């Protein structure tokens, strides 16, 4: 786990190494155990950026990496083989005890004729990858966009980074997110972009509810097993709803040691339900209550991480931030979460409203759109919210085979009608087949920002300063941006 950067001056061919070093410095919270830079001529790794600066490297194109070592297999990067240099931020699934960047390099060497386009289409994982060979820089991102990767251009300089703040550090003010599954190549002053159709659903599969639920359960257990091959102990971000309960139950079915983690800002029925449901599942629950003072202390840090200045994103990111901290304090290296389930299985009220107002085709269209936008709506935010800890977020529902299968199912297996109880129809059936009690599997959905009380607490602390919530969050965010500008 760490920070990936890449930069090329395609117009003036000037030295971009100092800019790459500034980018890595800005991302040091993501990775500072080791730093590395690669040009066409050299690869250097060091435990300090100062030592890399003293190498006096000169190149119009460079790839860099800052490592946060979570597992022993995590090695300094970039790595090289002959003329090929590679930096790999993320994981290849199934995971193993081997270094993921070594696995990526081996795959690319063995498939030299097809390159990153085929890598993205054929290799399951959560990643951003950069290669440099013969002066040609190529960048790719996993097909579902689980790992963030941003790009920007200014005065002929094209740059990529794991977070926007690295691009702000070199005066690229309006970075955008590289599309999931995209491959971008910069060679001889030209830029080309290719986006494979890697997440298209297969033809609609005619099946009944129980058959679909059994197959979905198998796919989810397999996804979890593949995502936990390097660890037998996993934490699960737990709310007591059907999404997190199925992730927890499937993790146990995959043979893992599972503990549940929940955070809250108030004593309410949600916490009581989480405790009761964890007991029913036979799993240990670690719960922690936070105060408005705790919230004030982390707002700046969380906004710095997620780089999104709105109340909703902050109110979701803060519980993710706290949950990762809590799991780390309890000795975990992996945390699973149920992100993506609402979009896949029709868990939002807007789908039911569309179903009721305009019919199943419109509901299906909205769900497909939201699945395609999962990266920007949640995956990037949640990965960045947890990236400063030494606990790695992995998403069992963000498995390409599982996503394709769910998209192939008839809508009436996901939204069984306009009643709320029939949302996530097939997922609730998975829960029942796995032995999860009905008081858990049939619990109506409530959004994380409300069940934890974080959204209400933001309103409270904003009101204490006579500000509307959006004004309060915007003020903190502008302070964060000013601080970043002063650091540049």
Protein backbone atom coordinates (compact mmCIF):
# COMPACT_ATOMS: atom_id res chain seq x y z
CA UNK A 1 0.00 0.00 0.00
CA UNK A 2 1.33 3.44 -0.78
CA UNK A 3 1.44 6.40 -3.13
CA UNK A 4 1.96 6.28 -6.88
CA UNK A 5 3.11 9.26 -8.96
CA UNK A 6 4.17 9.63 -12.58
CA UNK A 7 5.03 12.74 -14.55
CA UNK A 8 6.22 13.59 -18.06
CA UNK A 9 7.12 16.86 -19.80
CA UNK A 10 5.96 16.09 -23.31
CA UNK A 11 6.48 19.59 -24.71
CA UNK A 12 9.77 20.99 -23.41
CA UNK A 13 11.46 17.75 -22.24
CA UNK A 14 12.68 19.44 -19.07
CA UNK A 15 13.74 17.66 -15.87
CA UNK A 16 10.65 16.60 -13.87
CA UNK A 17 12.42 14.72 -11.06
CA UNK A 18 12.13 17.62 -8.55
CA UNK A 19 8.39 17.79 -9.28
CA UNK A 20 8.02 14.04 -8.65
CA UNK A 21 9.80 14.43 -5.32
CA UNK A 22 7.39 17.23 -4.31
CA UNK A 23 4.48 14.99 -5.24
CA UNK A 24 5.77 12.12 -3.11
CA UNK A 25 6.38 14.49 -0.21
CA UNK A 26 2.76 15.64 -0.36
CA UNK A 27 1.60 12.00 -0.25
CA UNK A 28 3.87 10.94 2.61
CA UNK A 29 0.86 10.05 4.80
CA UNK A 30 0.04 7.32 2.28
CA UNK A 31 3.60 6.01 2.15
CA UNK A 32 6.84 7.05 3.82
CA UNK A 33 8.62 3.81 4.78
CA UNK A 34 10.53 3.83 1.49
CA UNK A 35 10.58 6.11 -1.52
CA UNK A 36 11.60 5.29 -5.05
CA UNK A 37 12.07 6.98 -8.42
CA UNK A 38 12.62 5.47 -11.83
CA UNK A 39 13.76 7.08 -15.07
CA UNK A 40 14.64 5.36 -18.32
CA UNK A 41 18.26 5.15 -17.10
CA UNK A 42 18.09 4.62 -13.34
CA UNK A 43 16.04 3.22 -10.46
CA UNK A 44 16.74 4.47 -6.95
CA UNK A 45 15.04 3.61 -3.65
CA UNK A 46 15.74 5.13 -0.25
CA UNK A 47 14.14 5.53 3.15
CA UNK A 48 14.24 9.32 2.72
CA UNK A 49 13.30 11.74 -0.02
CA UNK A 50 16.33 13.82 0.87
CA UNK A 51 18.65 11.05 -0.24
CA UNK A 52 16.76 10.71 -3.51
CA UNK A 53 17.11 14.45 -4.08
CA UNK A 54 20.88 14.11 -3.70
CA UNK A 55 21.04 11.56 -6.52
CA UNK A 56 20.81 14.45 -9.02
CA UNK A 57 18.63 12.48 -11.42
CA UNK A 58 17.58 14.27 -14.62
CA UNK A 59 14.77 13.07 -16.85
CA UNK A 60 11.70 14.43 -18.70
CA UNK A 61 9.72 11.42 -17.52
CA UNK A 62 9.73 9.67 -14.15
CA UNK A 63 7.71 7.18 -12.10
CA UNK A 64 7.73 7.37 -8.30
CA UNK A 65 6.39 5.43 -5.34
CA UNK A 66 6.08 5.93 -1.60
CA UNK A 67 5.66 2.66 0.32
CA UNK A 68 3.63 2.01 3.44
CA UNK A 69 4.56 -1.54 4.41
CA UNK A 70 1.56 -3.43 5.77
CA UNK A 71 2.73 -6.96 4.93
CA UNK A 72 6.30 -8.31 4.77
CA UNK A 73 5.83 -8.91 1.02
CA UNK A 74 5.46 -5.17 0.40
CA UNK A 75 8.76 -4.10 -1.15
CA UNK A 76 10.29 -0.77 -2.19
CA UNK A 77 9.33 0.38 -5.67
CA UNK A 78 9.68 1.06 -8.57
CA UNK A 79 11.23 -2.22 -9.67
CA UNK A 80 12.94 -3.00 -12.97
CA UNK A 81 13.65 -5.78 -15.43
CA UNK A 82 16.02 -4.87 -18.25
CA UNK A 83 14.55 -1.66 -19.75
CA UNK A 84 11.14 -2.00 -18.10
CA UNK A 85 10.35 -0.06 -14.90
CA UNK A 86 7.16 -0.61 -12.94
CA UNK A 87 5.35 0.79 -9.90
CA UNK A 88 2.23 -0.99 -8.67
CA UNK A 89 -0.12 0.45 -6.04
CA UNK A 90 -2.63 -2.14 -4.89
CA UNK A 91 -3.29 -5.87 -4.91
CA UNK A 92 -3.73 -8.68 -7.40
CA UNK A 93 -6.36 -11.28 -6.51
CA UNK A 94 -6.16 -14.01 -5.37
CA UNK A 95 -3.64 -12.52 -2.97
CA UNK A 96 -0.63 -14.56 -1.93
CA UNK A 97 2.63 -14.24 -0.06
CA UNK A 98 4.36 -12.93 -3.18
CA UNK A 99 4.94 -9.24 -3.84
CA UNK A 100 2.12 -7.78 -5.95
CA UNK A 101 4.47 -5.58 -7.95
CA UNK A 102 6.65 -8.61 -8.73
CA UNK A 103 3.54 -10.48 -9.88
CA UNK A 104 2.52 -7.56 -12.10
CA UNK A 105 6.00 -7.28 -13.59
CA UNK A 106 6.13 -11.02 -14.31
CA UNK A 107 2.73 -10.91 -16.01
CA UNK A 108 3.73 -7.98 -18.22
CA UNK A 109 7.05 -9.58 -19.16
CA UNK A 110 5.29 -12.81 -20.11
CA UNK A 111 2.72 -10.92 -22.19
CA UNK A 112 4.90 -8.27 -23.81
CA UNK A 113 2.86 -8.22 -27.01
CA UNK A 114 -0.43 -7.20 -25.37
CA UNK A 115 0.57 -4.71 -22.65
CA UNK A 116 -1.54 -3.02 -20.01
CA UNK A 117 -4.77 -3.12 -22.01
CA UNK A 118 -4.95 -6.88 -21.65
CA UNK A 119 -3.62 -6.70 -18.07
CA UNK A 120 -6.63 -4.59 -17.09
CA UNK A 121 -9.03 -6.91 -18.86
CA UNK A 122 -7.62 -10.20 -17.50
CA UNK A 123 -6.08 -9.50 -14.06
CA UNK A 124 -8.48 -9.24 -11.13
CA UNK A 125 -7.36 -6.72 -8.58
CA UNK A 126 -7.56 -3.32 -6.97
CA UNK A 127 -4.72 -1.24 -8.36
CA UNK A 128 -3.11 1.65 -10.17
CA UNK A 129 -0.01 0.73 -12.19
CA UNK A 130 2.64 2.71 -14.08
CA UNK A 131 5.27 1.38 -16.47
CA UNK A 132 8.17 3.14 -18.15
CA UNK A 133 10.01 1.60 -21.10
CA UNK A 134 12.02 3.23 -23.89
CA UNK A 135 10.80 6.64 -22.77
CA UNK A 136 7.14 5.55 -23.03
CA UNK A 137 5.03 6.07 -19.91
CA UNK A 138 1.88 3.97 -19.52
CA UNK A 139 -0.68 4.25 -16.71
CA UNK A 140 -3.63 1.98 -15.94
CA UNK A 141 -6.33 1.66 -13.32
CA UNK A 142 -8.40 -1.33 -12.21
CA UNK A 143 -11.73 -1.76 -14.03
CA UNK A 144 -13.96 -0.87 -11.07
CA UNK A 145 -11.81 2.03 -9.86
CA UNK A 146 -11.19 0.69 -6.35
CA UNK A 147 -7.80 2.45 -6.19
CA UNK A 148 -7.86 6.20 -6.81
CA UNK A 149 -5.76 7.70 -9.59
CA UNK A 150 -5.90 11.30 -10.74
CA UNK A 151 -4.39 13.12 -13.69
CA UNK A 152 -3.78 16.66 -14.79
CA UNK A 153 -1.92 18.65 -17.41
CA UNK A 154 -0.34 22.09 -17.40
CA UNK A 155 1.97 23.70 -19.94
CA UNK A 156 2.81 20.38 -21.56
CA UNK A 157 3.42 18.52 -18.30
CA UNK A 158 1.17 15.49 -17.78
CA UNK A 159 1.08 14.08 -14.26
CA UNK A 160 -0.68 11.26 -12.39
CA UNK A 161 -1.01 10.59 -8.67
CA UNK A 162 -2.89 8.56 -6.08
CA UNK A 163 -4.43 11.75 -4.68
CA UNK A 164 -5.21 15.21 -6.01
CA UNK A 165 -3.02 16.95 -3.46
CA UNK A 166 0.12 15.66 -5.18
CA UNK A 167 -0.97 17.40 -8.38
CA UNK A 168 -1.86 20.57 -6.51
CA UNK A 169 1.72 20.51 -5.18
CA UNK A 170 3.03 21.06 -8.72
CA UNK A 171 0.43 23.72 -9.57
CA UNK A 172 -1.97 21.45 -11.47
CA UNK A 173 -5.13 22.97 -10.05
CA UNK A 174 -7.95 20.97 -11.63
CA UNK A 175 -7.05 17.28 -11.65
CA UNK A 176 -9.61 14.74 -12.79
CA UNK A 177 -10.07 11.07 -11.98
CA UNK A 178 -8.69 8.62 -14.54
CA UNK A 179 -11.62 6.51 -15.71
CA UNK A 180 -11.79 2.99 -14.22
CA UNK A 181 -10.24 0.49 -16.59
CA UNK A 182 -8.49 3.21 -18.59
CA UNK A 183 -4.97 2.87 -19.97
CA UNK A 184 -3.14 6.09 -20.86
CA UNK A 185 0.17 6.20 -22.73
CA UNK A 186 2.55 9.13 -23.26
CA UNK A 187 5.14 8.60 -25.96
CA UNK A 188 7.18 11.00 -28.11
CA UNK A 189 5.08 13.97 -27.10
CA UNK A 190 1.69 12.36 -27.77
CA UNK A 191 -0.96 11.15 -25.35
CA UNK A 192 -3.34 8.29 -26.12
CA UNK A 193 -6.09 6.83 -23.95
CA UNK A 194 -7.84 3.49 -24.19
CA UNK A 195 -10.74 2.27 -22.07
CA UNK A 196 -11.61 -1.41 -22.49
CA UNK A 197 -15.20 -2.56 -22.01
CA UNK A 198 -14.33 -4.69 -19.01
CA UNK A 199 -17.42 -4.37 -16.80
CA UNK A 200 -20.19 -5.07 -19.29
CA UNK A 201 -22.78 -7.54 -17.96
CA UNK A 202 -23.35 -10.84 -19.67
CA UNK A 203 -26.73 -11.64 -21.19
CA UNK A 204 -29.63 -11.63 -18.77
CA UNK A 205 -29.63 -14.90 -16.88
CA UNK A 206 -32.94 -16.61 -16.37
CA UNK A 207 -32.94 -18.11 -12.89
CA UNK A 208 -35.03 -18.32 -9.74
CA UNK A 209 -34.38 -16.52 -6.47
CA UNK A 210 -32.87 -19.46 -4.57
CA UNK A 211 -30.55 -20.49 -7.42
CA UNK A 212 -29.36 -16.92 -7.86
CA UNK A 213 -28.80 -16.53 -4.11
CA UNK A 214 -26.78 -19.74 -3.91
CA UNK A 215 -24.58 -18.68 -6.83
CA UNK A 216 -24.16 -15.18 -5.40
CA UNK A 217 -23.16 -16.63 -2.03
CA UNK A 218 -20.52 -18.78 -3.74
CA UNK A 219 -19.14 -15.78 -5.65
CA UNK A 220 -18.99 -13.65 -2.52
CA UNK A 221 -17.22 -16.31 -0.45
CA UNK A 222 -14.75 -16.79 -3.32
CA UNK A 223 -14.20 -13.03 -3.59
CA UNK A 224 -13.48 -12.84 0.15
CA UNK A 225 -11.16 -15.83 0.05
CA UNK A 226 -9.26 -14.28 -2.87
CA UNK A 227 -8.97 -10.96 -1.03
CA UNK A 228 -7.66 -12.50 2.18
CA UNK A 229 -5.06 -14.96 0.94
CA UNK A 230 -2.32 -13.09 2.77
CA UNK A 231 -4.11 -12.95 6.14
CA UNK A 232 -6.33 -15.25 8.18
CA UNK A 233 -7.65 -12.50 10.46
CA UNK A 234 -9.97 -9.85 9.07
CA UNK A 235 -11.91 -6.96 10.50
CA UNK A 236 -15.34 -6.15 9.09
CA UNK A 237 -16.82 -2.64 9.17
CA UNK A 238 -20.16 -3.55 10.70
CA UNK A 239 -23.48 -1.75 10.96
CA UNK A 240 -25.81 -4.67 11.64
CA UNK A 241 -27.45 -4.30 8.22
CA UNK A 242 -27.69 -6.99 5.59
CA UNK A 243 -24.62 -5.83 3.60
CA UNK A 244 -22.11 -6.01 6.44
CA UNK A 245 -23.78 -9.08 7.97
CA UNK A 246 -23.40 -11.02 4.71
CA UNK A 247 -19.77 -9.89 4.40
CA UNK A 248 -19.13 -11.07 7.97
CA UNK A 249 -20.93 -14.38 7.49
CA UNK A 250 -19.25 -15.02 4.11
CA UNK A 251 -15.85 -14.27 5.66
CA UNK A 252 -16.46 -16.95 8.26
CA UNK A 253 -17.59 -19.35 5.53
CA UNK A 254 -14.30 -18.59 3.78
CA UNK A 255 -12.49 -19.96 6.84
CA UNK A 256 -11.32 -16.62 8.26
CA UNK A 257 -11.10 -15.38 11.83
CA UNK A 258 -13.55 -12.46 11.88
CA UNK A 259 -14.12 -9.56 14.26
CA UNK A 260 -16.68 -6.79 13.77
CA UNK A 261 -16.04 -3.09 14.28
CA UNK A 262 -18.60 -0.33 14.64
CA UNK A 263 -18.37 3.34 15.62
CA UNK A 264 -21.05 5.73 16.79
CA UNK A 265 -21.56 9.19 18.20
CA UNK A 266 -24.64 8.37 20.23
CA UNK A 267 -26.41 5.64 22.16
CA UNK A 268 -29.32 4.60 20.01
CA UNK A 269 -31.20 1.64 18.67
CA UNK A 270 -28.63 1.17 15.90
CA UNK A 271 -25.83 0.41 18.34
CA UNK A 272 -28.09 -1.88 20.35
CA UNK A 273 -29.05 -3.68 17.13
CA UNK A 274 -25.37 -4.05 16.09
CA UNK A 275 -24.57 -5.60 19.49
CA UNK A 276 -27.58 -7.94 19.39
CA UNK A 277 -26.93 -9.00 15.80
CA UNK A 278 -23.21 -9.63 16.42
CA UNK A 279 -24.17 -11.88 19.31
CA UNK A 280 -26.62 -13.74 17.06
CA UNK A 281 -23.86 -14.25 14.48
CA UNK A 282 -21.52 -15.51 17.19
CA UNK A 283 -18.89 -12.87 16.36
CA UNK A 284 -17.01 -10.46 18.60
CA UNK A 285 -18.01 -6.83 18.18
CA UNK A 286 -15.70 -3.95 19.06
CA UNK A 287 -17.68 -0.73 19.40
CA UNK A 288 -16.51 2.76 20.28
CA UNK A 289 -18.45 5.93 20.95
CA UNK A 290 -17.04 9.31 19.89
CA UNK A 291 -17.88 12.83 21.06
CA UNK A 292 -18.35 16.17 19.23
CA UNK A 293 -14.89 17.07 20.51
CA UNK A 294 -13.49 13.95 18.80
CA UNK A 295 -15.22 15.02 15.59
CA UNK A 296 -13.73 18.51 15.68
CA UNK A 297 -10.27 17.02 16.08
CA UNK A 298 -10.52 14.89 12.92
CA UNK A 299 -12.46 17.08 10.49
CA UNK A 300 -9.36 18.74 9.03
CA UNK A 301 -7.49 15.44 8.76
CA UNK A 302 -10.37 13.66 7.05
CA UNK A 303 -11.00 16.54 4.63
CA UNK A 304 -7.27 16.54 3.84
CA UNK A 305 -7.54 12.88 2.95
CA UNK A 306 -10.76 12.77 0.95
CA UNK A 307 -10.35 16.13 -0.82
CA UNK A 308 -14.14 16.58 -1.09
CA UNK A 309 -15.68 19.62 0.63
CA UNK A 310 -19.26 18.52 1.25
CA UNK A 311 -21.18 17.38 4.30
CA UNK A 312 -22.35 14.00 2.98
CA UNK A 313 -18.88 12.79 1.97
CA UNK A 314 -17.40 13.99 5.26
CA UNK A 315 -20.21 12.32 7.27
CA UNK A 316 -19.47 8.98 5.58
CA UNK A 317 -15.67 9.31 5.58
CA UNK A 318 -15.36 10.07 9.30
CA UNK A 319 -16.87 6.71 10.40
CA UNK A 320 -14.65 4.92 7.86
CA UNK A 321 -11.62 6.79 9.24
CA UNK A 322 -12.50 5.89 12.84
CA UNK A 323 -13.30 2.28 12.01
CA UNK A 324 -9.91 1.78 10.33
CA UNK A 325 -8.19 3.36 13.33
CA UNK A 326 -10.08 1.08 15.70
CA UNK A 327 -9.21 -2.02 13.68
CA UNK A 328 -5.53 -1.01 13.62
CA UNK A 329 -5.54 -0.46 17.38
CA UNK A 330 -6.81 -4.03 17.72
CA UNK A 331 -3.99 -5.48 15.63
CA UNK A 332 -5.70 -5.98 12.26
CA UNK A 333 -4.14 -5.43 8.83
CA UNK A 334 -7.25 -5.97 6.68
CA UNK A 335 -10.72 -4.54 6.91
CA UNK A 336 -13.63 -5.60 4.71
CA UNK A 337 -16.58 -3.34 3.97
CA UNK A 338 -19.83 -3.73 2.06
CA UNK A 339 -19.48 -0.80 -0.33
CA UNK A 340 -21.19 -1.35 -3.67
CA UNK A 341 -24.06 -3.50 -2.39
CA UNK A 342 -26.68 -0.74 -2.53
CA UNK A 343 -25.94 0.01 -6.18
CA UNK A 344 -25.72 -3.65 -7.18
CA UNK A 345 -28.88 -4.83 -5.46
CA UNK A 346 -31.18 -1.80 -5.56
CA UNK A 347 -30.83 -0.56 -2.00
CA UNK A 348 -31.52 3.14 -2.50
CA UNK A 349 -34.93 4.78 -2.33
CA UNK A 350 -34.33 6.46 -5.69
CA UNK A 351 -34.46 3.07 -7.40
CA UNK A 352 -37.79 2.25 -5.79
CA UNK A 353 -39.11 5.71 -6.69
CA UNK A 354 -38.04 5.23 -10.31
CA UNK A 355 -39.56 1.73 -10.32
CA UNK A 356 -42.84 3.10 -9.00
CA UNK A 357 -42.89 6.24 -11.19
CA UNK A 358 -41.46 5.08 -14.53
CA UNK A 359 -41.18 1.30 -14.33
CA UNK A 360 -38.44 -1.33 -14.09
CA UNK A 361 -36.44 -0.15 -17.11
CA UNK A 362 -35.76 3.25 -15.55
CA UNK A 363 -34.83 1.68 -12.20
CA UNK A 364 -32.43 -0.65 -14.01
CA UNK A 365 -30.91 2.25 -15.94
CA UNK A 366 -30.27 4.21 -12.73
CA UNK A 367 -28.65 1.20 -11.08
CA UNK A 368 -26.37 0.59 -14.08
CA UNK A 369 -25.34 4.24 -14.10
CA UNK A 370 -24.55 4.17 -10.39
CA UNK A 371 -22.53 0.95 -10.70
CA UNK A 372 -20.43 2.62 -13.38
CA UNK A 373 -19.95 5.63 -11.07
CA UNK A 374 -19.07 3.67 -7.91
CA UNK A 375 -15.47 4.78 -8.04
CA UNK A 376 -16.27 8.48 -7.85
CA UNK A 377 -19.24 8.16 -5.52
CA UNK A 378 -17.69 5.97 -2.82
CA UNK A 379 -14.62 3.84 -3.62
CA UNK A 380 -12.16 6.74 -3.94
CA UNK A 381 -13.48 8.52 -0.84
CA UNK A 382 -13.42 5.45 1.39
CA UNK A 383 -9.97 4.30 0.22
CA UNK A 384 -8.54 7.74 0.90
CA UNK A 385 -10.30 8.00 4.28
CA UNK A 386 -8.57 4.81 5.44
CA UNK A 387 -5.24 5.17 3.60
CA UNK A 388 -3.40 6.91 6.42
CA UNK A 389 -3.78 3.90 8.70
CA UNK A 390 -1.92 0.61 8.52
CA UNK A 391 -5.14 -1.25 7.85
CA UNK A 392 -5.95 -2.00 4.23
CA UNK A 393 -9.53 -1.60 3.00
CA UNK A 394 -10.72 -4.38 0.67
CA UNK A 395 -14.16 -4.58 -0.91
CA UNK A 396 -15.67 -8.05 -1.46
CA UNK A 397 -18.56 -6.76 -3.59
CA UNK A 398 -16.08 -5.04 -5.95
CA UNK A 399 -15.27 -8.26 -7.75
CA UNK A 400 -15.63 -8.18 -11.53
CA UNK A 401 -17.13 -11.68 -11.83
CA UNK A 402 -19.61 -10.93 -9.05
CA UNK A 403 -20.55 -7.56 -10.56
CA UNK A 404 -21.10 -9.08 -13.98
CA UNK A 405 -23.23 -11.85 -12.52
CA UNK A 406 -25.42 -9.47 -10.52
CA UNK A 407 -25.89 -7.22 -13.56
CA UNK A 408 -27.02 -10.25 -15.54
CA UNK A 409 -29.84 -11.04 -13.10
CA UNK A 410 -33.41 -9.92 -13.80
CA UNK A 411 -34.34 -6.75 -11.95
CA UNK A 412 -37.14 -8.49 -10.03
CA UNK A 413 -34.50 -10.54 -8.17
CA UNK A 414 -32.99 -7.30 -6.88
CA UNK A 415 -36.03 -5.07 -6.51
CA UNK A 416 -38.87 -7.44 -5.81
CA UNK A 417 -41.46 -4.67 -5.79
CA UNK A 418 -41.99 -1.11 -4.62
CA UNK A 419 -42.07 -2.01 -0.91
CA UNK A 420 -38.88 -1.23 1.02
CA UNK A 421 -38.76 -4.76 2.45
CA UNK A 422 -38.19 -6.11 -1.06
CA UNK A 423 -35.11 -4.01 -1.80
CA UNK A 424 -31.94 -6.12 -2.18
CA UNK A 425 -34.20 -9.13 -2.64
CA UNK A 426 -31.51 -11.65 -3.67
CA UNK A 427 -28.97 -10.40 -1.12
CA UNK A 428 -31.47 -10.81 1.69
CA UNK A 429 -32.05 -14.35 0.44
CA UNK A 430 -28.28 -14.97 0.56
CA UNK A 431 -28.37 -13.91 4.20
CA UNK A 432 -31.16 -16.34 4.96
CA UNK A 433 -29.40 -19.22 3.18
CA UNK A 434 -26.28 -18.49 5.24
CA UNK A 435 -28.28 -18.76 8.45
CA UNK A 436 -28.40 -15.05 9.28
CA UNK A 437 -31.49 -14.34 11.42
CA UNK A 438 -34.36 -12.49 9.79
CA UNK A 439 -34.20 -9.57 12.22
CA UNK A 440 -30.83 -8.83 10.54
CA UNK A 441 -31.56 -9.82 6.95
CA UNK A 442 -34.84 -7.90 6.82
CA UNK A 443 -33.66 -4.77 8.61
CA UNK A 444 -34.51 -1.64 6.57
CA UNK A 445 -31.54 0.34 5.29
CA UNK A 446 -30.36 3.52 6.97
CA UNK A 447 -27.37 5.43 5.64
CA UNK A 448 -24.09 5.31 7.58
CA UNK A 449 -23.95 9.06 8.15
CA UNK A 450 -27.30 8.87 9.98
CA UNK A 451 -26.95 5.61 11.91
CA UNK A 452 -23.62 6.71 13.40
CA UNK A 453 -24.90 10.18 14.26
CA UNK A 454 -22.00 11.88 12.44
CA UNK A 455 -24.21 13.95 10.15
CA UNK A 456 -26.19 15.23 13.15
CA UNK A 457 -22.96 15.97 15.02
CA UNK A 458 -21.65 18.03 12.08
CA UNK A 459 -24.86 20.06 12.23
CA UNK A 460 -24.40 20.46 15.99
CA UNK A 461 -20.79 21.69 15.91
CA UNK A 462 -21.56 23.94 12.93
CA UNK A 463 -24.51 25.46 14.80
CA UNK A 464 -22.30 26.17 17.80
CA UNK A 465 -20.34 28.49 15.52
CA UNK A 466 -23.52 29.95 13.97
CA UNK A 467 -22.78 28.33 10.61
CA UNK A 468 -24.81 26.13 8.32
CA UNK A 469 -23.24 22.66 7.96
CA UNK A 470 -22.06 23.27 4.39
CA UNK A 471 -20.50 26.59 5.43
CA UNK A 472 -18.72 24.94 8.34
CA UNK A 473 -17.28 22.16 6.18
CA UNK A 474 -16.35 24.57 3.37
CA UNK A 475 -14.46 26.78 5.83
CA UNK A 476 -12.35 23.87 7.04
CA UNK A 477 -11.77 22.71 3.49
CA UNK A 478 -10.57 26.12 2.36
CA UNK A 479 -8.14 26.15 5.29
CA UNK A 480 -6.83 22.78 4.15
CA UNK A 481 -6.39 24.06 0.58
CA UNK A 482 -4.61 27.21 1.79
CA UNK A 483 -2.26 25.12 3.90
CA UNK A 484 -1.50 22.98 0.87
CA UNK A 485 -0.83 26.06 -1.22
CA UNK A 486 1.57 27.38 1.42
CA UNK A 487 3.40 24.02 1.38
CA UNK A 488 3.89 24.13 -2.41
